[in-house]
Amino acid sequence: MKEVSLSGSPRESVGTKDATAVRNSGRIPCVVYGGGSQTHFTVNILDMERLVFTPHVSIVNLDVAGKKSKALIQAVQFHPVTDKIHHVDFLELNDKKKVKVEVPVILTGRSVGVMAGGKLQQVFRKVKVQALPGDLPDNLTIDITEMKVGDAIRIKELSTDKVQILNAPNAVVVSVKVARGVVEPAPGTAPGAAAPAAAPAAAAKPAAKK
């Protein structure tokens, strides 16, 4: 997993009044825990926004007044009206202890089913994985090239020896469905070929005269 660096300043006092003053000064109150003790600190708001408002997940190399640690963002609190970042929790990493984190699902290739008129449906944009810090992936990449109409890829097909996916095993991650109004081609018909024209209806016979 990609790593980024982040510098912080220790908080001298912890409380609502102090947190408000921190935010008014253009910084975000934070805490890192999981390593035996908690460390409260503040980070420049622009640095934190670059870290939070991105689809990517990164291991953060924290440096708080010379105290260094590796961590992951565990939780982010936002203002209920403005959606500005209010507080960030970090989880300190241990190289020998597995952690849980959500990573994005990236689709590659062009599905033969979609080219034949099917509709691609991606159910999961992110999945929750568990692994040692050194084995955490940047994302989960799925090649959909061979997916035909009616095919689906499920969670249980994505786990590996080093990375366990914690979502329901039978949950569908991505599928190719029949698009409304699309008729599947007959066997032997090339994808995208026009369907044979329907035979013209027989002309109605005039009613017999009495």
C-alpha atoms as a PDB file:
ATOM      1  CA  MET A   1       0.000   0.000   0.000  1.00  0.00           C
ATOM      2  CA  LYS A   2       1.163   3.517  -0.818  1.00  0.00           C
ATOM      3  CA  GLU A   3       2.619   5.563   2.055  1.00  0.00           C
ATOM      4  CA  VAL A   4       2.350   9.297   2.726  1.00  0.00           C
ATOM      5  CA  SER A   5       3.934  11.536   5.363  1.00  0.00           C
ATOM      6  CA  LEU A   6       2.035  13.784   7.757  1.00  0.00           C
ATOM      7  CA  SER A   7       3.397  16.133  10.418  1.00  0.00           C
ATOM      8  CA  GLY A   8       1.474  17.122  13.524  1.00  0.00           C
ATOM      9  CA  SER A   9       1.843  19.285  16.624  1.00  0.00           C
ATOM     10  CA  PRO A  10       1.031  17.981  20.139  1.00  0.00           C
ATOM     11  CA  ARG A  11      -2.153  19.302  21.802  1.00  0.00           C
ATOM     12  CA  GLU A  12      -1.471  20.811  25.205  1.00  0.00           C
ATOM     13  CA  SER A  13      -5.070  20.449  26.372  1.00  0.00           C
ATOM     14  CA  VAL A  14      -8.020  18.348  25.240  1.00  0.00           C
ATOM     15  CA  GLY A  15     -11.623  19.520  25.330  1.00  0.00           C
ATOM     16  CA  THR A  16     -14.421  21.111  23.325  1.00  0.00           C
ATOM     17  CA  LYS A  17     -13.226  24.675  23.895  1.00  0.00           C
ATOM     18  CA  ASP A  18      -9.666  23.810  22.906  1.00  0.00           C
ATOM     19  CA  ALA A  19     -10.864  21.871  19.835  1.00  0.00           C
ATOM     20  CA  THR A  20     -12.866  24.883  18.650  1.00  0.00           C
ATOM     21  CA  ALA A  21      -9.815  27.111  19.027  1.00  0.00           C
ATOM     22  CA  VAL A  22      -7.731  24.586  17.073  1.00  0.00           C
ATOM     23  CA  ARG A  23     -10.212  24.583  14.174  1.00  0.00           C
ATOM     24  CA  ASN A  24     -10.435  28.380  14.178  1.00  0.00           C
ATOM     25  CA  SER A  25      -6.655  28.489  13.743  1.00  0.00           C
ATOM     26  CA  GLY A  26      -6.847  26.390  10.553  1.00  0.00           C
ATOM     27  CA  ARG A  27      -5.885  23.055  12.082  1.00  0.00           C
ATOM     28  CA  ILE A  28      -7.700  19.765  12.785  1.00  0.00           C
ATOM     29  CA  PRO A  29      -7.660  17.969  16.170  1.00  0.00           C
ATOM     30  CA  CYS A  30      -6.545  14.340  15.857  1.00  0.00           C
ATOM     31  CA  VAL A  31      -5.702  11.332  17.997  1.00  0.00           C
ATOM     32  CA  VAL A  32      -3.614   8.220  17.303  1.00  0.00           C
ATOM     33  CA  TYR A  33      -4.148   5.078  19.376  1.00  0.00           C
ATOM     34  CA  GLY A  34      -3.479   1.351  19.268  1.00  0.00           C
ATOM     35  CA  GLY A  35       0.159   1.432  20.310  1.00  0.00           C
ATOM     36  CA  GLY A  36      -0.412   1.311  24.069  1.00  0.00           C
ATOM     37  CA  SER A  37      -1.090   5.006  24.650  1.00  0.00           C
ATOM     38  CA  GLN A  38      -3.025   7.776  22.932  1.00  0.00           C
ATOM     39  CA  THR A  39      -1.384  10.824  21.416  1.00  0.00           C
ATOM     40  CA  HIS A  40      -3.493  13.924  20.800  1.00  0.00           C
ATOM     41  CA  PHE A  41      -2.215  16.317  18.143  1.00  0.00           C
ATOM     42  CA  THR A  42      -3.263  18.779  15.450  1.00  0.00           C
ATOM     43  CA  VAL A  43      -2.672  18.837  11.692  1.00  0.00           C
ATOM     44  CA  ASN A  44      -2.904  21.608   9.113  1.00  0.00           C
ATOM     45  CA  ILE A  45      -6.379  21.538   7.574  1.00  0.00           C
ATOM     46  CA  LEU A  46      -5.097  21.573   3.979  1.00  0.00           C
ATOM     47  CA  ASP A  47      -2.796  18.605   4.623  1.00  0.00           C
ATOM     48  CA  MET A  48      -5.694  16.683   6.168  1.00  0.00           C
ATOM     49  CA  GLU A  49      -8.097  17.483   3.326  1.00  0.00           C
ATOM     50  CA  ARG A  50      -5.598  16.133   0.793  1.00  0.00           C
ATOM     51  CA  LEU A  51      -5.474  12.913   2.797  1.00  0.00           C
ATOM     52  CA  VAL A  52      -9.211  12.523   3.440  1.00  0.00           C
ATOM     53  CA  PHE A  53     -10.800  13.734   0.193  1.00  0.00           C
ATOM     54  CA  THR A  54      -9.300  11.119  -2.105  1.00  0.00           C
ATOM     55  CA  PRO A  55     -10.471   7.689  -3.310  1.00  0.00           C
ATOM     56  CA  HIS A  56      -7.063   6.243  -2.415  1.00  0.00           C
ATOM     57  CA  VAL A  57      -6.131   4.610   0.906  1.00  0.00           C
ATOM     58  CA  SER A  58      -2.629   5.144   2.254  1.00  0.00           C
ATOM     59  CA  ILE A  59      -0.486   4.197   5.223  1.00  0.00           C
ATOM     60  CA  VAL A  60       0.347   7.442   7.016  1.00  0.00           C
ATOM     61  CA  ASN A  61       3.850   8.052   8.370  1.00  0.00           C
ATOM     62  CA  LEU A  62       3.023  10.304  11.319  1.00  0.00           C
ATOM     63  CA  ASP A  63       5.568  12.628  12.869  1.00  0.00           C
ATOM     64  CA  VAL A  64       4.295  14.398  15.987  1.00  0.00           C
ATOM     65  CA  ALA A  65       7.108  16.529  17.411  1.00  0.00           C
ATOM     66  CA  GLY A  66       9.663  13.831  16.581  1.00  0.00           C
ATOM     67  CA  LYS A  67       7.507  10.897  17.726  1.00  0.00           C
ATOM     68  CA  LYS A  68       7.090   8.746  14.620  1.00  0.00           C
ATOM     69  CA  SER A  69       4.600   5.984  13.868  1.00  0.00           C
ATOM     70  CA  LYS A  70       2.784   4.319  10.997  1.00  0.00           C
ATOM     71  CA  ALA A  71      -1.000   4.595  11.062  1.00  0.00           C
ATOM     72  CA  LEU A  72      -4.242   4.324   9.118  1.00  0.00           C
ATOM     73  CA  ILE A  73      -7.201   6.686   9.272  1.00  0.00           C
ATOM     74  CA  GLN A  74      -9.772   4.885  11.409  1.00  0.00           C
ATOM     75  CA  ALA A  75     -12.587   7.447  11.572  1.00  0.00           C
ATOM     76  CA  VAL A  76     -13.340  10.968  10.345  1.00  0.00           C
ATOM     77  CA  GLN A  77     -15.903  13.260  11.964  1.00  0.00           C
ATOM     78  CA  PHE A  78     -17.495  15.996   9.841  1.00  0.00           C
ATOM     79  CA  HIS A  79     -19.457  19.107  10.762  1.00  0.00           C
ATOM     80  CA  PRO A  80     -23.181  18.226  10.331  1.00  0.00           C
ATOM     81  CA  VAL A  81     -23.914  21.379   8.298  1.00  0.00           C
ATOM     82  CA  THR A  82     -20.720  22.445   6.525  1.00  0.00           C
ATOM     83  CA  ASP A  83     -19.195  18.962   6.059  1.00  0.00           C
ATOM     84  CA  LYS A  84     -15.833  20.343   7.136  1.00  0.00           C
ATOM     85  CA  ILE A  85     -13.479  17.897   8.860  1.00  0.00           C
ATOM     86  CA  HIS A  86     -13.896  18.169  12.629  1.00  0.00           C
ATOM     87  CA  HIS A  87     -11.761  15.356  14.040  1.00  0.00           C
ATOM     88  CA  VAL A  88      -9.697  12.414  12.781  1.00  0.00           C
ATOM     89  CA  ASP A  89      -8.841   9.156  14.558  1.00  0.00           C
ATOM     90  CA  PHE A  90      -5.718   7.245  13.503  1.00  0.00           C
ATOM     91  CA  LEU A  91      -4.925   3.609  14.307  1.00  0.00           C
ATOM     92  CA  GLU A  92      -1.249   2.924  14.941  1.00  0.00           C
ATOM     93  CA  LEU A  93       0.023  -0.083  12.995  1.00  0.00           C
ATOM     94  CA  ASN A  94       1.980  -3.082  14.205  1.00  0.00           C
ATOM     95  CA  ASP A  95       3.839  -5.006  11.492  1.00  0.00           C
ATOM     96  CA  LYS A  96       2.833  -8.326  13.095  1.00  0.00           C
ATOM     97  CA  LYS A  97      -0.830  -7.504  13.730  1.00  0.00           C
ATOM     98  CA  LYS A  98      -3.546  -7.659  11.062  1.00  0.00           C
ATOM     99  CA  VAL A  99      -5.714  -4.598  10.514  1.00  0.00           C
ATOM    100  CA  LYS A 100      -9.026  -3.938   8.780  1.00  0.00           C
ATOM    101  CA  VAL A 101      -9.477  -1.242   6.169  1.00  0.00           C
ATOM    102  CA  GLU A 102     -11.717  -0.433   3.209  1.00  0.00           C
ATOM    103  CA  VAL A 103     -10.039  -0.358  -0.202  1.00  0.00           C
ATOM    104  CA  PRO A 104     -11.499   0.671  -3.580  1.00  0.00           C
ATOM    105  CA  VAL A 105     -12.569  -1.842  -6.231  1.00  0.00           C
ATOM    106  CA  ILE A 106     -11.147  -1.042  -9.686  1.00  0.00           C
ATOM    107  CA  LEU A 107     -12.570  -2.632 -12.862  1.00  0.00           C
ATOM    108  CA  THR A 108     -10.339  -3.120 -15.929  1.00  0.00           C
ATOM    109  CA  GLY A 109     -11.015  -4.339 -19.463  1.00  0.00           C
ATOM    110  CA  ARG A 110     -14.130  -4.299 -21.662  1.00  0.00           C
ATOM    111  CA  SER A 111     -16.684  -6.984 -20.942  1.00  0.00           C
ATOM    112  CA  VAL A 112     -17.722  -9.105 -23.935  1.00  0.00           C
ATOM    113  CA  GLY A 113     -21.190  -9.198 -22.405  1.00  0.00           C
ATOM    114  CA  VAL A 114     -21.417  -5.404 -22.353  1.00  0.00           C
ATOM    115  CA  MET A 115     -20.217  -5.210 -25.976  1.00  0.00           C
ATOM    116  CA  ALA A 116     -23.000  -7.670 -26.834  1.00  0.00           C
ATOM    117  CA  GLY A 117     -25.577  -5.310 -25.317  1.00  0.00           C
ATOM    118  CA  GLY A 118     -25.517  -6.275 -21.635  1.00  0.00           C
ATOM    119  CA  LYS A 119     -25.446  -3.805 -18.748  1.00  0.00           C
ATOM    120  CA  LEU A 120     -22.539  -3.710 -16.293  1.00  0.00           C
ATOM    121  CA  GLN A 121     -23.546  -3.351 -12.651  1.00  0.00           C
ATOM    122  CA  GLN A 122     -20.867  -2.637 -10.006  1.00  0.00           C
ATOM    123  CA  VAL A 123     -22.419  -3.256  -6.587  1.00  0.00           C
ATOM    124  CA  PHE A 124     -19.292  -2.623  -4.458  1.00  0.00           C
ATOM    125  CA  ARG A 125     -17.120   0.460  -4.967  1.00  0.00           C
ATOM    126  CA  LYS A 126     -15.149  -0.469  -1.833  1.00  0.00           C
ATOM    127  CA  VAL A 127     -14.631  -3.698   0.120  1.00  0.00           C
ATOM    128  CA  LYS A 128     -13.378  -4.288   3.662  1.00  0.00           C
ATOM    129  CA  VAL A 129     -10.148  -6.268   3.846  1.00  0.00           C
ATOM    130  CA  GLN A 130      -8.008  -7.659   6.646  1.00  0.00           C
ATOM    131  CA  ALA A 131      -4.262  -8.198   6.312  1.00  0.00           C
ATOM    132  CA  LEU A 132      -0.894  -7.462   7.842  1.00  0.00           C
ATOM    133  CA  PRO A 133       0.187  -3.845   7.169  1.00  0.00           C
ATOM    134  CA  GLY A 134       2.843  -4.991   4.709  1.00  0.00           C
ATOM    135  CA  ASP A 135       0.273  -6.975   2.696  1.00  0.00           C
ATOM    136  CA  LEU A 136      -2.436  -4.314   2.447  1.00  0.00           C
ATOM    137  CA  PRO A 137      -3.329  -3.636  -1.213  1.00  0.00           C
ATOM    138  CA  ASP A 138      -3.846  -0.171  -2.718  1.00  0.00           C
ATOM    139  CA  ASN A 139      -7.035  -1.519  -4.288  1.00  0.00           C
ATOM    140  CA  LEU A 140      -8.666  -4.686  -5.579  1.00  0.00           C
ATOM    141  CA  THR A 141      -8.476  -4.896  -9.373  1.00  0.00           C
ATOM    142  CA  ILE A 142     -10.972  -7.045 -11.292  1.00  0.00           C
ATOM    143  CA  ASP A 143     -10.529  -7.838 -14.997  1.00  0.00           C
ATOM    144  CA  ILE A 144     -14.039  -7.985 -16.489  1.00  0.00           C
ATOM    145  CA  THR A 145     -12.943  -8.752 -20.076  1.00  0.00           C
ATOM    146  CA  GLU A 146     -14.281 -12.338 -20.115  1.00  0.00           C
ATOM    147  CA  MET A 147     -17.569 -11.568 -18.342  1.00  0.00           C
ATOM    148  CA  LYS A 148     -20.580 -12.526 -20.475  1.00  0.00           C
ATOM    149  CA  VAL A 149     -24.240 -11.615 -20.036  1.00  0.00           C
ATOM    150  CA  GLY A 150     -25.425 -13.373 -16.876  1.00  0.00           C
ATOM    151  CA  ASP A 151     -21.948 -13.622 -15.312  1.00  0.00           C
ATOM    152  CA  ALA A 152     -21.204 -12.323 -11.807  1.00  0.00           C
ATOM    153  CA  ILE A 153     -18.114 -12.095  -9.600  1.00  0.00           C
ATOM    154  CA  ARG A 154     -18.640 -12.614  -5.872  1.00  0.00           C
ATOM    155  CA  ILE A 155     -16.666 -11.638  -2.771  1.00  0.00           C
ATOM    156  CA  LYS A 156     -15.479 -15.214  -2.138  1.00  0.00           C
ATOM    157  CA  GLU A 157     -13.665 -15.222  -5.493  1.00  0.00           C
ATOM    158  CA  LEU A 158     -11.437 -12.285  -4.523  1.00  0.00           C
ATOM    159  CA  SER A 159      -9.782 -13.325  -1.233  1.00  0.00           C
ATOM    160  CA  THR A 160      -6.147 -14.464  -1.331  1.00  0.00           C
ATOM    161  CA  ASP A 161      -3.780 -16.179   1.102  1.00  0.00           C
ATOM    162  CA  LYS A 162      -2.539 -12.817   2.397  1.00  0.00           C
ATOM    163  CA  VAL A 163      -5.687 -10.683   2.087  1.00  0.00           C
ATOM    164  CA  GLN A 164      -9.050 -11.690   3.543  1.00  0.00           C
ATOM    165  CA  ILE A 165     -12.177  -9.859   2.387  1.00  0.00           C
ATOM    166  CA  LEU A 166     -14.672  -9.425   5.202  1.00  0.00           C
ATOM    167  CA  ASN A 167     -17.852  -8.699   3.255  1.00  0.00           C
ATOM    168  CA  ALA A 168     -20.462 -11.468   2.868  1.00  0.00           C
ATOM    169  CA  PRO A 169     -18.840 -14.245   0.758  1.00  0.00           C
ATOM    170  CA  ASN A 170     -21.778 -14.659  -1.631  1.00  0.00           C
ATOM    171  CA  ALA A 171     -22.335 -10.942  -2.177  1.00  0.00           C
ATOM    172  CA  VAL A 172     -22.051  -9.935  -5.833  1.00  0.00           C
ATOM    173  CA  VAL A 173     -19.300  -7.381  -6.520  1.00  0.00           C
ATOM    174  CA  VAL A 174     -19.927  -6.898 -10.237  1.00  0.00           C
ATOM    175  CA  SER A 175     -22.266  -8.485 -12.777  1.00  0.00           C
ATOM    176  CA  VAL A 176     -23.377  -8.210 -16.397  1.00  0.00           C
ATOM    177  CA  LYS A 177     -27.124  -8.242 -16.801  1.00  0.00           C
ATOM    178  CA  VAL A 178     -29.455  -8.285 -19.792  1.00  0.00           C
ATOM    179  CA  ALA A 179     -30.296  -4.694 -20.646  1.00  0.00           C
ATOM    180  CA  ARG A 180     -33.989  -3.912 -20.912  1.00  0.00           C
ATOM    181  CA  GLY A 181     -35.188  -4.287 -24.503  1.00  0.00           C
ATOM    182  CA  VAL A 182     -32.066  -6.167 -25.619  1.00  0.00           C
ATOM    183  CA  VAL A 183     -32.492  -9.601 -27.189  1.00  0.00           C
ATOM    184  CA  GLU A 184     -29.580 -12.003 -26.737  1.00  0.00           C
ATOM    185  CA  PRO A 185     -28.111 -13.164 -30.075  1.00  0.00           C
ATOM    186  CA  ALA A 186     -28.794 -16.717 -31.203  1.00  0.00           C
ATOM    187  CA  PRO A 187     -25.956 -19.261 -30.863  1.00  0.00           C
ATOM    188  CA  GLY A 188     -23.354 -18.681 -33.566  1.00  0.00           C
ATOM    189  CA  THR A 189     -24.334 -15.054 -34.089  1.00  0.00           C
ATOM    190  CA  ALA A 190     -21.475 -12.603 -33.678  1.00  0.00           C
ATOM    191  CA  PRO A 191     -21.861 -10.070 -30.830  1.00  0.00           C
ATOM    192  CA  GLY A 192     -23.464  -6.881 -32.132  1.00  0.00           C
ATOM    193  CA  ALA A 193     -24.885  -8.577 -35.260  1.00  0.00           C
ATOM    194  CA  ALA A 194     -28.386  -7.521 -36.196  1.00  0.00           C
ATOM    195  CA  ALA A 195     -31.167  -9.929 -35.348  1.00  0.00           C
ATOM    196  CA  PRO A 196     -32.952 -11.491 -38.338  1.00  0.00           C
ATOM    197  CA  ALA A 197     -35.955  -9.503 -39.506  1.00  0.00           C
ATOM    198  CA  ALA A 198     -39.328 -10.922 -38.536  1.00  0.00           C
ATOM    199  CA  ALA A 199     -41.370 -12.506 -41.316  1.00  0.00           C
ATOM    200  CA  PRO A 200     -44.109 -10.190 -42.667  1.00  0.00           C
ATOM    201  CA  ALA A 201     -47.562 -10.905 -41.306  1.00  0.00           C
ATOM    202  CA  ALA A 202     -49.934 -12.651 -43.702  1.00  0.00           C
ATOM    203  CA  ALA A 203     -52.487 -10.356 -45.346  1.00  0.00           C
ATOM    204  CA  ALA A 204     -55.963 -10.652 -43.883  1.00  0.00           C
ATOM    205  CA  LYS A 205     -58.473 -12.328 -46.204  1.00  0.00           C
ATOM    206  CA  PRO A 206     -61.628 -10.370 -47.032  1.00  0.00           C
ATOM    207  CA  ALA A 207     -64.759 -11.640 -45.352  1.00  0.00           C
ATOM    208  CA  ALA A 208     -66.916 -13.875 -47.544  1.00  0.00           C
ATOM    209  CA  LYS A 209     -70.050 -12.243 -48.984  1.00  0.00           C
ATOM    210  CA  LYS A 210     -73.360 -13.675 -47.852  1.00  0.00           C
END
